[in-house]
């Protein structure tokens, strides 16, 4: 019979969670945990590549443009991103993480 440490946390596979923080990065109280996976992916793309247009986000994330529009709407509802007019083409907006 094997014993485990009483304070060791198990993840979904029954293995010890050895990250040290005991939680998921989406557990923060910033609204990300409630968002769909597509919005989380768009958030991560903007975290590394911002500012980007919808077309740029679609290219980087490999999501279709409709899904990107939906994700951007969800992120804007949570005030996690901001948009501004694109100077190269006033018909487009560039998106970045909110400060």
N, C-alpha and C. Protein backbone atom coordinates (compact mmCIF):
# COMPACT_ATOMS: atom_id res chain seq x y z
N UNK A 1 0.84 -1.17 0.00
CA UNK A 1 0.00 0.00 0.00
C UNK A 1 0.88 1.24 0.00
N UNK A 2 0.65 2.16 -0.94
CA UNK A 2 1.49 3.34 -1.02
C UNK A 2 0.88 4.49 -0.25
N UNK A 3 1.74 5.37 0.18
CA UNK A 3 1.28 6.56 0.90
C UNK A 3 1.64 7.79 0.10
N UNK A 4 0.85 8.80 0.23
CA UNK A 4 1.14 10.07 -0.42
C UNK A 4 1.21 11.14 0.64
N UNK A 5 1.83 12.22 0.27
CA UNK A 5 1.92 13.34 1.20
C UNK A 5 0.52 13.89 1.44
N UNK A 6 0.18 14.22 2.67
CA UNK A 6 -1.18 14.70 2.94
C UNK A 6 -1.50 16.03 2.28
N UNK A 7 -0.49 16.86 2.00
CA UNK A 7 -0.77 18.17 1.42
C UNK A 7 -0.56 18.20 -0.09
N UNK A 8 -0.26 17.06 -0.71
CA UNK A 8 -0.06 17.01 -2.16
C UNK A 8 -1.40 17.13 -2.86
N UNK A 9 -1.45 18.00 -3.89
CA UNK A 9 -2.68 18.18 -4.65
C UNK A 9 -2.64 17.29 -5.87
N UNK A 10 -3.77 16.73 -6.23
CA UNK A 10 -3.87 15.88 -7.40
C UNK A 10 -4.58 16.63 -8.51
N UNK A 11 -4.09 16.44 -9.74
CA UNK A 11 -4.80 17.04 -10.86
C UNK A 11 -5.87 16.08 -11.36
N UNK A 12 -6.48 16.37 -12.49
CA UNK A 12 -7.58 15.57 -13.01
C UNK A 12 -7.20 14.14 -13.35
N UNK A 13 -5.90 13.88 -13.58
CA UNK A 13 -5.45 12.54 -13.92
C UNK A 13 -5.07 11.72 -12.68
N UNK A 14 -5.22 12.29 -11.49
CA UNK A 14 -4.84 11.60 -10.28
C UNK A 14 -3.37 11.71 -9.97
N UNK A 15 -2.65 12.55 -10.73
CA UNK A 15 -1.23 12.74 -10.49
C UNK A 15 -1.01 14.01 -9.68
N UNK A 16 0.13 14.08 -9.03
CA UNK A 16 0.43 15.23 -8.19
C UNK A 16 0.62 16.47 -9.05
N UNK A 17 0.04 17.56 -8.61
CA UNK A 17 0.20 18.85 -9.27
C UNK A 17 1.47 19.49 -8.71
N UNK A 18 2.56 19.43 -9.49
CA UNK A 18 3.84 19.89 -8.98
C UNK A 18 4.23 21.28 -9.48
N UNK A 19 3.26 22.06 -9.92
CA UNK A 19 3.56 23.41 -10.39
C UNK A 19 3.92 24.34 -9.25
N UNK A 20 3.53 24.01 -8.05
CA UNK A 20 3.89 24.84 -6.92
C UNK A 20 2.84 25.86 -6.55
N UNK A 21 2.07 26.31 -7.52
CA UNK A 21 1.06 27.32 -7.20
C UNK A 21 -0.27 26.70 -6.82
N UNK A 22 -0.46 25.44 -7.14
CA UNK A 22 -1.68 24.74 -6.76
C UNK A 22 -2.90 25.15 -7.55
N UNK A 23 -2.73 25.92 -8.61
CA UNK A 23 -3.91 26.36 -9.35
C UNK A 23 -3.61 26.62 -10.80
N UNK A 24 -4.63 26.98 -11.49
CA UNK A 24 -4.56 27.25 -12.91
C UNK A 24 -4.41 28.74 -13.12
N UNK A 25 -3.69 29.14 -14.18
CA UNK A 25 -3.50 30.57 -14.41
C UNK A 25 -4.81 31.28 -14.74
N UNK A 26 -5.84 30.54 -15.16
CA UNK A 26 -7.13 31.15 -15.48
C UNK A 26 -7.98 31.34 -14.23
N UNK A 27 -7.52 30.91 -13.06
CA UNK A 27 -8.30 31.04 -11.83
C UNK A 27 -8.29 32.46 -11.28
N UNK A 28 -7.52 33.34 -11.88
CA UNK A 28 -7.47 34.72 -11.41
C UNK A 28 -8.86 35.34 -11.53
N UNK A 29 -9.11 36.33 -10.71
CA UNK A 29 -10.42 36.98 -10.71
C UNK A 29 -10.44 38.15 -11.69
N UNK A 30 -10.05 37.90 -12.94
CA UNK A 30 -10.07 38.96 -13.95
C UNK A 30 -11.08 38.68 -15.05
N UNK A 31 -11.91 37.67 -14.88
CA UNK A 31 -12.95 37.37 -15.84
C UNK A 31 -12.58 36.34 -16.88
N UNK A 32 -11.31 35.99 -17.01
CA UNK A 32 -10.89 35.03 -18.03
C UNK A 32 -11.45 33.64 -17.80
N UNK A 33 -11.62 33.24 -16.56
CA UNK A 33 -12.06 31.87 -16.28
C UNK A 33 -13.48 31.61 -16.79
N UNK A 34 -14.28 32.65 -16.93
CA UNK A 34 -15.66 32.50 -17.38
C UNK A 34 -15.80 32.53 -18.90
N UNK A 35 -14.73 32.84 -19.61
CA UNK A 35 -14.80 33.02 -21.06
C UNK A 35 -14.62 31.70 -21.80
N UNK A 36 -15.14 31.63 -23.04
CA UNK A 36 -14.96 30.42 -23.86
C UNK A 36 -13.49 30.27 -24.28
N UNK A 37 -13.10 29.07 -24.68
CA UNK A 37 -11.71 28.83 -25.08
C UNK A 37 -11.22 29.76 -26.21
N UNK A 38 -12.08 30.08 -27.14
CA UNK A 38 -11.66 30.96 -28.24
C UNK A 38 -11.27 32.34 -27.72
N UNK A 39 -11.99 32.86 -26.74
CA UNK A 39 -11.66 34.16 -26.18
C UNK A 39 -10.34 34.10 -25.41
N UNK A 40 -10.10 32.99 -24.73
CA UNK A 40 -8.83 32.83 -24.01
C UNK A 40 -7.66 32.79 -24.99
N UNK A 41 -7.85 32.11 -26.13
CA UNK A 41 -6.81 32.04 -27.14
C UNK A 41 -6.54 33.43 -27.73
N UNK A 42 -7.59 34.16 -28.04
CA UNK A 42 -7.42 35.51 -28.58
C UNK A 42 -6.70 36.39 -27.56
N UNK A 43 -7.05 36.26 -26.29
CA UNK A 43 -6.38 37.02 -25.22
C UNK A 43 -4.88 36.71 -25.22
N UNK A 44 -4.53 35.43 -25.31
CA UNK A 44 -3.11 35.03 -25.31
C UNK A 44 -2.39 35.57 -26.55
N UNK A 45 -3.04 35.53 -27.70
CA UNK A 45 -2.43 36.07 -28.92
C UNK A 45 -2.15 37.55 -28.74
N UNK A 46 -3.11 38.28 -28.18
CA UNK A 46 -2.91 39.71 -27.96
C UNK A 46 -1.85 39.97 -26.89
N UNK A 47 -1.72 39.06 -25.95
CA UNK A 47 -0.71 39.21 -24.91
C UNK A 47 0.70 39.20 -25.52
N UNK A 48 0.90 38.41 -26.57
CA UNK A 48 2.22 38.28 -27.18
C UNK A 48 2.42 39.13 -28.43
N UNK A 49 1.34 39.43 -29.17
CA UNK A 49 1.49 40.05 -30.48
C UNK A 49 0.80 41.40 -30.65
N UNK A 50 0.17 41.96 -29.64
CA UNK A 50 -0.65 43.17 -29.78
C UNK A 50 0.20 44.36 -30.18
N UNK A 51 -0.38 45.34 -30.84
CA UNK A 51 -1.76 45.44 -31.31
C UNK A 51 -1.94 44.74 -32.66
N UNK A 52 -3.12 44.16 -32.84
CA UNK A 52 -3.45 43.45 -34.07
C UNK A 52 -4.87 43.79 -34.52
N UNK A 53 -5.10 43.69 -35.82
CA UNK A 53 -6.45 43.81 -36.37
C UNK A 53 -7.14 42.45 -36.24
N UNK A 54 -8.44 42.43 -36.54
CA UNK A 54 -9.17 41.15 -36.52
C UNK A 54 -8.52 40.15 -37.48
N UNK A 55 -8.13 40.63 -38.64
CA UNK A 55 -7.48 39.77 -39.62
C UNK A 55 -6.16 39.21 -39.08
N UNK A 56 -5.40 40.05 -38.41
CA UNK A 56 -4.13 39.61 -37.82
C UNK A 56 -4.34 38.59 -36.72
N UNK A 57 -5.36 38.81 -35.90
CA UNK A 57 -5.68 37.87 -34.82
C UNK A 57 -6.10 36.53 -35.41
N UNK A 58 -6.91 36.57 -36.47
CA UNK A 58 -7.35 35.33 -37.12
C UNK A 58 -6.16 34.57 -37.70
N UNK A 59 -5.22 35.28 -38.28
CA UNK A 59 -4.04 34.62 -38.85
C UNK A 59 -3.17 34.01 -37.76
N UNK A 60 -2.94 34.74 -36.69
CA UNK A 60 -2.08 34.24 -35.60
C UNK A 60 -2.73 33.09 -34.83
N UNK A 61 -4.03 33.17 -34.62
CA UNK A 61 -4.72 32.16 -33.81
C UNK A 61 -5.22 30.98 -34.63
N UNK A 62 -5.29 31.16 -35.96
CA UNK A 62 -5.83 30.15 -36.87
C UNK A 62 -7.31 29.88 -36.61
N UNK A 63 -8.01 30.88 -36.06
CA UNK A 63 -9.46 30.81 -35.88
C UNK A 63 -10.12 31.50 -37.06
N UNK A 64 -11.36 31.14 -37.37
CA UNK A 64 -12.08 31.82 -38.45
C UNK A 64 -12.48 33.22 -37.98
N UNK A 65 -12.73 34.10 -38.93
CA UNK A 65 -13.01 35.50 -38.60
C UNK A 65 -14.26 35.65 -37.74
N UNK A 66 -15.26 34.83 -37.96
CA UNK A 66 -16.49 34.90 -37.15
C UNK A 66 -16.20 34.57 -35.69
N UNK A 67 -15.37 33.57 -35.45
CA UNK A 67 -15.01 33.19 -34.09
C UNK A 67 -14.19 34.29 -33.43
N UNK A 68 -13.30 34.92 -34.19
CA UNK A 68 -12.50 36.02 -33.65
C UNK A 68 -13.40 37.18 -33.26
N UNK A 69 -14.38 37.52 -34.10
CA UNK A 69 -15.32 38.61 -33.76
C UNK A 69 -16.07 38.29 -32.47
N UNK A 70 -16.54 37.06 -32.34
CA UNK A 70 -17.25 36.63 -31.13
C UNK A 70 -16.34 36.75 -29.90
N UNK A 71 -15.11 36.26 -30.02
CA UNK A 71 -14.17 36.30 -28.90
C UNK A 71 -13.83 37.73 -28.51
N UNK A 72 -13.63 38.60 -29.51
CA UNK A 72 -13.33 40.00 -29.21
C UNK A 72 -14.50 40.66 -28.48
N UNK A 73 -15.72 40.33 -28.89
CA UNK A 73 -16.89 40.87 -28.21
C UNK A 73 -16.94 40.45 -26.75
N UNK A 74 -16.66 39.18 -26.49
CA UNK A 74 -16.65 38.68 -25.11
C UNK A 74 -15.56 39.36 -24.29
N UNK A 75 -14.39 39.55 -24.88
CA UNK A 75 -13.28 40.20 -24.17
C UNK A 75 -13.58 41.67 -23.90
N UNK A 76 -14.24 42.34 -24.85
CA UNK A 76 -14.60 43.74 -24.65
C UNK A 76 -15.67 43.88 -23.57
N UNK A 77 -16.61 42.93 -23.50
CA UNK A 77 -17.64 42.96 -22.45
C UNK A 77 -17.01 42.90 -21.07
N UNK A 78 -15.91 42.17 -20.93
CA UNK A 78 -15.22 42.02 -19.65
C UNK A 78 -14.18 43.13 -19.43
N UNK A 79 -14.08 44.07 -20.37
CA UNK A 79 -13.09 45.15 -20.31
C UNK A 79 -11.66 44.64 -20.22
N UNK A 80 -11.38 43.54 -20.90
CA UNK A 80 -10.03 42.97 -20.90
C UNK A 80 -9.19 43.46 -22.06
N UNK A 81 -9.84 44.00 -23.10
CA UNK A 81 -9.12 44.53 -24.25
C UNK A 81 -9.68 45.90 -24.61
N UNK A 82 -8.89 46.64 -25.37
CA UNK A 82 -9.33 47.93 -25.90
C UNK A 82 -9.09 47.93 -27.41
N UNK A 83 -9.83 48.76 -28.10
CA UNK A 83 -9.64 48.89 -29.54
C UNK A 83 -9.44 50.36 -29.89
N UNK A 84 -8.73 50.58 -30.97
CA UNK A 84 -8.54 51.93 -31.49
C UNK A 84 -8.50 51.86 -33.00
N UNK A 85 -8.76 52.97 -33.64
CA UNK A 85 -8.77 53.01 -35.10
C UNK A 85 -7.38 52.71 -35.64
N UNK A 86 -7.35 51.97 -36.71
CA UNK A 86 -6.10 51.64 -37.39
C UNK A 86 -5.71 52.81 -38.28
N UNK A 87 -4.50 53.33 -38.13
CA UNK A 87 -4.08 54.49 -38.91
C UNK A 87 -3.88 54.16 -40.39
N UNK A 88 -3.52 52.92 -40.70
CA UNK A 88 -3.31 52.52 -42.09
C UNK A 88 -4.62 52.37 -42.85
N UNK A 89 -5.68 51.96 -42.15
CA UNK A 89 -6.99 51.73 -42.76
C UNK A 89 -8.05 52.05 -41.72
N UNK A 90 -8.70 53.19 -41.85
CA UNK A 90 -9.66 53.65 -40.85
C UNK A 90 -10.89 52.75 -40.73
N UNK A 91 -11.08 51.83 -41.67
CA UNK A 91 -12.21 50.90 -41.58
C UNK A 91 -11.95 49.79 -40.57
N UNK A 92 -10.71 49.63 -40.17
CA UNK A 92 -10.33 48.56 -39.25
C UNK A 92 -9.99 49.12 -37.88
N UNK A 93 -9.99 48.23 -36.90
CA UNK A 93 -9.56 48.57 -35.54
C UNK A 93 -8.40 47.69 -35.16
N UNK A 94 -7.55 48.21 -34.29
CA UNK A 94 -6.46 47.41 -33.72
C UNK A 94 -6.81 47.15 -32.27
N UNK A 95 -6.55 45.93 -31.83
CA UNK A 95 -6.91 45.49 -30.49
C UNK A 95 -5.66 45.23 -29.67
N UNK A 96 -5.76 45.56 -28.38
CA UNK A 96 -4.68 45.28 -27.44
C UNK A 96 -5.27 45.05 -26.06
N UNK A 97 -4.46 44.52 -25.16
CA UNK A 97 -4.94 44.27 -23.80
C UNK A 97 -5.18 45.59 -23.08
N UNK A 98 -6.20 45.61 -22.25
CA UNK A 98 -6.49 46.81 -21.46
C UNK A 98 -5.40 46.99 -20.42
N UNK A 99 -5.10 48.22 -20.13
CA UNK A 99 -4.04 48.52 -19.15
C UNK A 99 -4.44 48.25 -17.73
